[in-house]
Amino acid sequence: MIVLIDTNILISAALNPNGTPFKAYVKAVSYPNQAIICEQNIDELRRIFNRKFSNKLNVLEEFLALSLPVLKIVSTPEAINESEDNNSSGYKADYTLDSMKEVDRFFDEQDTPGGILSKKQGTILFALASYIGETVIKLYEGRWVIDEDDPDNEINMAVQTSSGKVLWPAKRCMKRYTNGA
């Protein structure tokens, strides 16, 4: 499977090699997956580290030195073409508020006998929760809040917005899956 890794995951993975985002990164770069990042991700990583973590630039450079050999770096148009070449799902996942309707449509269409949720429930629910969390982070200047000591941190992971609101995307996905619309 081709996995496009978001900049926020890369930042968190670089800063905390024991955290959940790092575990997600490792899974994305491990066979049979092929992890890709856009050229813009590398520029964005360096900009963010320069602005927010200037005292940890060496951590970023070490992370990149280890990561770049296992990542496929693509331009944005090529990333879009990769998706189309691999039988795109038809769901618009563009990190907008409207894309949350697409997540809802995915549940409606795929939570059926023979649907993708019947085959890979845990993986898909985690991926949807991660997408919802990343969308909230982008739209509302949020951040992941994860208790690394919690054995159920994949379920209890939260997103806190800049206004202080806290959301639990994995719990919401599990509830939507269990209860329906």
C-alpha atoms as a PDB file:
ATOM      1  CA  MET A   1       0.000   0.000   0.000  1.00  0.00           C
ATOM      2  CA  ILE A   2       1.236   3.515  -0.739  1.00  0.00           C
ATOM      3  CA  VAL A   3       1.154   5.686   2.379  1.00  0.00           C
ATOM      4  CA  LEU A   4       1.432   9.471   2.167  1.00  0.00           C
ATOM      5  CA  ILE A   5       2.956  10.689   5.434  1.00  0.00           C
ATOM      6  CA  ASP A   6       1.799  14.050   6.744  1.00  0.00           C
ATOM      7  CA  THR A   7       4.270  16.635   8.041  1.00  0.00           C
ATOM      8  CA  ASN A   8       2.748  16.563  11.546  1.00  0.00           C
ATOM      9  CA  ILE A   9       3.444  12.840  11.812  1.00  0.00           C
ATOM     10  CA  LEU A  10       7.036  13.385  10.674  1.00  0.00           C
ATOM     11  CA  ILE A  11       7.561  16.175  13.219  1.00  0.00           C
ATOM     12  CA  SER A  12       6.166  14.088  16.066  1.00  0.00           C
ATOM     13  CA  ALA A  13       8.136  11.027  14.954  1.00  0.00           C
ATOM     14  CA  ALA A  14      11.381  13.021  14.818  1.00  0.00           C
ATOM     15  CA  LEU A  15      10.829  14.533  18.248  1.00  0.00           C
ATOM     16  CA  ASN A  16       9.665  11.383  20.045  1.00  0.00           C
ATOM     17  CA  PRO A  17      10.979   8.043  18.791  1.00  0.00           C
ATOM     18  CA  ASN A  18       8.937   6.272  21.486  1.00  0.00           C
ATOM     19  CA  GLY A  19       5.596   7.816  20.574  1.00  0.00           C
ATOM     20  CA  THR A  20       2.593   6.657  18.599  1.00  0.00           C
ATOM     21  CA  PRO A  21       3.360   8.872  15.558  1.00  0.00           C
ATOM     22  CA  PHE A  22       6.804   7.231  15.319  1.00  0.00           C
ATOM     23  CA  LYS A  23       5.160   3.793  15.452  1.00  0.00           C
ATOM     24  CA  ALA A  24       2.816   4.892  12.649  1.00  0.00           C
ATOM     25  CA  TYR A  25       5.821   6.155  10.673  1.00  0.00           C
ATOM     26  CA  VAL A  26       7.637   2.820  11.103  1.00  0.00           C
ATOM     27  CA  LYS A  27       4.566   0.938   9.911  1.00  0.00           C
ATOM     28  CA  ALA A  28       4.279   3.249   6.888  1.00  0.00           C
ATOM     29  CA  VAL A  29       7.882   2.640   5.812  1.00  0.00           C
ATOM     30  CA  SER A  30       7.807  -1.102   6.483  1.00  0.00           C
ATOM     31  CA  TYR A  31       7.133  -3.734   3.839  1.00  0.00           C
ATOM     32  CA  PRO A  32       4.654  -4.200   2.198  1.00  0.00           C
ATOM     33  CA  ASN A  33       3.944  -0.460   2.462  1.00  0.00           C
ATOM     34  CA  GLN A  34       5.686   2.226   0.386  1.00  0.00           C
ATOM     35  CA  ALA A  35       5.811   5.544   2.212  1.00  0.00           C
ATOM     36  CA  ILE A  36       5.871   8.729   0.177  1.00  0.00           C
ATOM     37  CA  ILE A  37       6.290  12.350   1.094  1.00  0.00           C
ATOM     38  CA  CYS A  38       6.053  15.445  -1.048  1.00  0.00           C
ATOM     39  CA  GLU A  39       9.061  17.657  -1.649  1.00  0.00           C
ATOM     40  CA  GLN A  40       7.115  20.357   0.156  1.00  0.00           C
ATOM     41  CA  ASN A  41       7.053  18.208   3.330  1.00  0.00           C
ATOM     42  CA  ILE A  42      10.824  18.451   3.685  1.00  0.00           C
ATOM     43  CA  ASP A  43      10.758  22.232   3.247  1.00  0.00           C
ATOM     44  CA  GLU A  44       7.869  22.504   5.699  1.00  0.00           C
ATOM     45  CA  LEU A  45       9.701  20.318   8.235  1.00  0.00           C
ATOM     46  CA  ARG A  46      12.757  22.551   8.126  1.00  0.00           C
ATOM     47  CA  ARG A  47      10.654  25.739   8.359  1.00  0.00           C
ATOM     48  CA  ILE A  48       8.737  24.455  11.382  1.00  0.00           C
ATOM     49  CA  PHE A  49      11.848  23.187  13.136  1.00  0.00           C
ATOM     50  CA  ASN A  50      13.618  26.513  12.500  1.00  0.00           C
ATOM     51  CA  ARG A  51      10.646  28.405  13.906  1.00  0.00           C
ATOM     52  CA  LYS A  52       9.514  26.171  16.803  1.00  0.00           C
ATOM     53  CA  PHE A  53      12.353  23.768  17.592  1.00  0.00           C
ATOM     54  CA  SER A  54      15.517  25.616  16.602  1.00  0.00           C
ATOM     55  CA  ASN A  55      17.387  23.958  19.467  1.00  0.00           C
ATOM     56  CA  LYS A  56      16.585  20.530  17.955  1.00  0.00           C
ATOM     57  CA  LEU A  57      17.682  21.015  14.347  1.00  0.00           C
ATOM     58  CA  ASN A  58      20.242  18.241  14.824  1.00  0.00           C
ATOM     59  CA  VAL A  59      17.397  15.866  15.751  1.00  0.00           C
ATOM     60  CA  LEU A  60      15.610  16.722  12.516  1.00  0.00           C
ATOM     61  CA  GLU A  61      18.712  16.283  10.373  1.00  0.00           C
ATOM     62  CA  GLU A  62      19.477  12.921  11.982  1.00  0.00           C
ATOM     63  CA  PHE A  63      15.853  11.818  11.458  1.00  0.00           C
ATOM     64  CA  LEU A  64      15.977  12.915   7.807  1.00  0.00           C
ATOM     65  CA  ALA A  65      19.304  11.176   7.247  1.00  0.00           C
ATOM     66  CA  LEU A  66      17.766   7.908   8.432  1.00  0.00           C
ATOM     67  CA  SER A  67      14.365   8.475   6.801  1.00  0.00           C
ATOM     68  CA  LEU A  68      15.080   9.777   3.322  1.00  0.00           C
ATOM     69  CA  PRO A  69      16.603   6.509   2.051  1.00  0.00           C
ATOM     70  CA  VAL A  70      13.357   4.634   2.826  1.00  0.00           C
ATOM     71  CA  LEU A  71      10.911   7.310   1.649  1.00  0.00           C
ATOM     72  CA  LYS A  72       9.877   7.994  -1.904  1.00  0.00           C
ATOM     73  CA  ILE A  73       9.964  11.751  -2.451  1.00  0.00           C
ATOM     74  CA  VAL A  74       7.465  13.004  -5.012  1.00  0.00           C
ATOM     75  CA  SER A  75       6.263  16.325  -6.307  1.00  0.00           C
ATOM     76  CA  THR A  76       2.664  17.157  -5.442  1.00  0.00           C
ATOM     77  CA  PRO A  77       1.295  16.419  -8.940  1.00  0.00           C
ATOM     78  CA  GLU A  78       3.043  13.038  -8.947  1.00  0.00           C
ATOM     79  CA  ALA A  79       1.529  12.246  -5.543  1.00  0.00           C
ATOM     80  CA  ILE A  80      -1.905  12.908  -6.978  1.00  0.00           C
ATOM     81  CA  ASN A  81      -1.146  10.743 -10.011  1.00  0.00           C
ATOM     82  CA  GLU A  82       0.071   7.909  -7.773  1.00  0.00           C
ATOM     83  CA  SER A  83      -3.316   7.905  -6.086  1.00  0.00           C
ATOM     84  CA  GLU A  84      -5.135   7.858  -9.427  1.00  0.00           C
ATOM     85  CA  ASP A  85      -2.891   5.117 -10.820  1.00  0.00           C
ATOM     86  CA  ASN A  86      -3.686   2.905  -7.867  1.00  0.00           C
ATOM     87  CA  ASN A  87      -7.444   2.826  -8.384  1.00  0.00           C
ATOM     88  CA  SER A  88      -8.374   5.861  -6.318  1.00  0.00           C
ATOM     89  CA  SER A  89     -11.211   5.224  -3.913  1.00  0.00           C
ATOM     90  CA  GLY A  90     -13.409   8.090  -5.077  1.00  0.00           C
ATOM     91  CA  TYR A  91     -13.377   9.746  -1.641  1.00  0.00           C
ATOM     92  CA  LYS A  92     -12.153  13.330  -1.459  1.00  0.00           C
ATOM     93  CA  ALA A  93      -9.694  13.508   1.432  1.00  0.00           C
ATOM     94  CA  ASP A  94      -8.319  17.049   1.300  1.00  0.00           C
ATOM     95  CA  TYR A  95      -8.229  17.984   5.014  1.00  0.00           C
ATOM     96  CA  THR A  96     -11.231  20.317   4.744  1.00  0.00           C
ATOM     97  CA  LEU A  97     -14.387  20.440   6.809  1.00  0.00           C
ATOM     98  CA  ASP A  98     -16.282  19.133   3.764  1.00  0.00           C
ATOM     99  CA  SER A  99     -14.060  16.057   3.744  1.00  0.00           C
ATOM    100  CA  MET A 100     -15.682  14.997   7.023  1.00  0.00           C
ATOM    101  CA  LYS A 101     -18.800  14.294   4.916  1.00  0.00           C
ATOM    102  CA  GLU A 102     -16.594  11.983   2.852  1.00  0.00           C
ATOM    103  CA  VAL A 103     -15.574  10.124   6.017  1.00  0.00           C
ATOM    104  CA  ASP A 104     -19.249   9.755   6.867  1.00  0.00           C
ATOM    105  CA  ARG A 105     -19.984   8.525   3.326  1.00  0.00           C
ATOM    106  CA  PHE A 106     -17.117   6.032   3.676  1.00  0.00           C
ATOM    107  CA  PHE A 107     -18.771   4.587   6.796  1.00  0.00           C
ATOM    108  CA  ASP A 108     -22.124   4.352   5.007  1.00  0.00           C
ATOM    109  CA  GLU A 109     -20.661   2.636   1.947  1.00  0.00           C
ATOM    110  CA  GLN A 110     -17.979   0.439   3.476  1.00  0.00           C
ATOM    111  CA  ASP A 111     -19.656  -0.772   6.681  1.00  0.00           C
ATOM    112  CA  THR A 112     -21.396  -3.588   4.827  1.00  0.00           C
ATOM    113  CA  PRO A 113     -20.799  -7.304   4.475  1.00  0.00           C
ATOM    114  CA  GLY A 114     -17.857  -7.485   2.097  1.00  0.00           C
ATOM    115  CA  GLY A 115     -16.998  -3.776   2.602  1.00  0.00           C
ATOM    116  CA  ILE A 116     -13.463  -2.794   3.505  1.00  0.00           C
ATOM    117  CA  LEU A 117     -14.438  -2.234   7.162  1.00  0.00           C
ATOM    118  CA  SER A 118     -15.429  -5.889   7.450  1.00  0.00           C
ATOM    119  CA  LYS A 119     -11.904  -6.922   6.420  1.00  0.00           C
ATOM    120  CA  LYS A 120      -9.530  -4.513   8.164  1.00  0.00           C
ATOM    121  CA  GLN A 121     -11.647  -2.890  10.854  1.00  0.00           C
ATOM    122  CA  GLY A 122      -8.921  -1.888  13.341  1.00  0.00           C
ATOM    123  CA  THR A 123      -6.489  -0.574  10.745  1.00  0.00           C
ATOM    124  CA  ILE A 124      -9.159   1.385   8.881  1.00  0.00           C
ATOM    125  CA  LEU A 125     -10.688   2.883  12.041  1.00  0.00           C
ATOM    126  CA  PHE A 126      -7.225   4.001  13.196  1.00  0.00           C
ATOM    127  CA  ALA A 127      -6.482   5.507   9.771  1.00  0.00           C
ATOM    128  CA  LEU A 128      -9.823   7.365   9.742  1.00  0.00           C
ATOM    129  CA  ALA A 129      -9.232   8.623  13.292  1.00  0.00           C
ATOM    130  CA  SER A 130      -5.770   9.827  12.299  1.00  0.00           C
ATOM    131  CA  TYR A 131      -7.181  11.611   9.243  1.00  0.00           C
ATOM    132  CA  ILE A 132      -9.910  13.278  11.320  1.00  0.00           C
ATOM    133  CA  GLY A 133      -7.326  14.341  13.908  1.00  0.00           C
ATOM    134  CA  GLU A 134      -4.968  15.752  11.277  1.00  0.00           C
ATOM    135  CA  THR A 135      -7.871  17.635   9.679  1.00  0.00           C
ATOM    136  CA  VAL A 136      -8.817  19.207  13.014  1.00  0.00           C
ATOM    137  CA  ILE A 137      -5.161  20.111  13.615  1.00  0.00           C
ATOM    138  CA  LYS A 138      -4.918  21.851  10.243  1.00  0.00           C
ATOM    139  CA  LEU A 139      -8.257  23.667  10.503  1.00  0.00           C
ATOM    140  CA  TYR A 140      -8.150  24.681  14.162  1.00  0.00           C
ATOM    141  CA  GLU A 141      -4.422  24.894  14.935  1.00  0.00           C
ATOM    142  CA  GLY A 142      -4.545  21.863  17.146  1.00  0.00           C
ATOM    143  CA  ARG A 143      -2.104  19.297  18.422  1.00  0.00           C
ATOM    144  CA  TRP A 144      -2.148  15.620  19.323  1.00  0.00           C
ATOM    145  CA  VAL A 145      -2.417  14.802  23.024  1.00  0.00           C
ATOM    146  CA  ILE A 146      -1.268  11.245  23.671  1.00  0.00           C
ATOM    147  CA  ASP A 147      -0.473   9.611  26.999  1.00  0.00           C
ATOM    148  CA  GLU A 148       2.457   7.343  26.151  1.00  0.00           C
ATOM    149  CA  ASP A 149       1.907   5.379  29.377  1.00  0.00           C
ATOM    150  CA  ASP A 150      -1.697   4.520  28.466  1.00  0.00           C
ATOM    151  CA  PRO A 151      -1.809   0.986  27.021  1.00  0.00           C
ATOM    152  CA  ASP A 152      -4.881   2.079  25.013  1.00  0.00           C
ATOM    153  CA  ASN A 153      -3.317   5.289  23.705  1.00  0.00           C
ATOM    154  CA  GLU A 154      -4.373   4.511  20.116  1.00  0.00           C
ATOM    155  CA  ILE A 155      -7.994   4.643  21.303  1.00  0.00           C
ATOM    156  CA  ASN A 156      -7.583   7.455  23.831  1.00  0.00           C
ATOM    157  CA  MET A 157      -5.473   9.732  21.622  1.00  0.00           C
ATOM    158  CA  ALA A 158      -6.965  13.200  21.563  1.00  0.00           C
ATOM    159  CA  VAL A 159      -6.651  16.411  19.610  1.00  0.00           C
ATOM    160  CA  GLN A 160      -6.682  19.719  21.443  1.00  0.00           C
ATOM    161  CA  THR A 161      -7.496  22.830  19.442  1.00  0.00           C
ATOM    162  CA  SER A 162      -5.889  26.206  20.045  1.00  0.00           C
ATOM    163  CA  SER A 163      -9.100  27.266  21.802  1.00  0.00           C
ATOM    164  CA  GLY A 164      -8.717  24.380  24.264  1.00  0.00           C
ATOM    165  CA  LYS A 165     -11.445  22.088  22.943  1.00  0.00           C
ATOM    166  CA  VAL A 166     -10.527  18.394  23.108  1.00  0.00           C
ATOM    167  CA  LEU A 167     -11.732  15.738  20.664  1.00  0.00           C
ATOM    168  CA  TRP A 168     -11.142  11.979  20.642  1.00  0.00           C
ATOM    169  CA  PRO A 169     -11.151  10.925  16.970  1.00  0.00           C
ATOM    170  CA  ALA A 170     -10.608   7.197  17.554  1.00  0.00           C
ATOM    171  CA  LYS A 171     -13.425   6.992  20.077  1.00  0.00           C
ATOM    172  CA  ARG A 172     -15.684   8.898  17.678  1.00  0.00           C
ATOM    173  CA  CYS A 173     -14.840   6.522  14.813  1.00  0.00           C
ATOM    174  CA  MET A 174     -15.481   3.487  16.997  1.00  0.00           C
ATOM    175  CA  LYS A 175     -18.817   4.957  18.100  1.00  0.00           C
ATOM    176  CA  ARG A 176     -19.801   5.722  14.478  1.00  0.00           C
ATOM    177  CA  TYR A 177     -18.841   2.177  13.454  1.00  0.00           C
ATOM    178  CA  THR A 178     -20.744   0.579  16.338  1.00  0.00           C
ATOM    179  CA  ASN A 179     -23.859   2.767  16.330  1.00  0.00           C
ATOM    180  CA  GLY A 180     -24.104   3.807  12.688  1.00  0.00           C
ATOM    181  CA  ALA A 181     -25.156   7.307  11.641  1.00  0.00           C
END
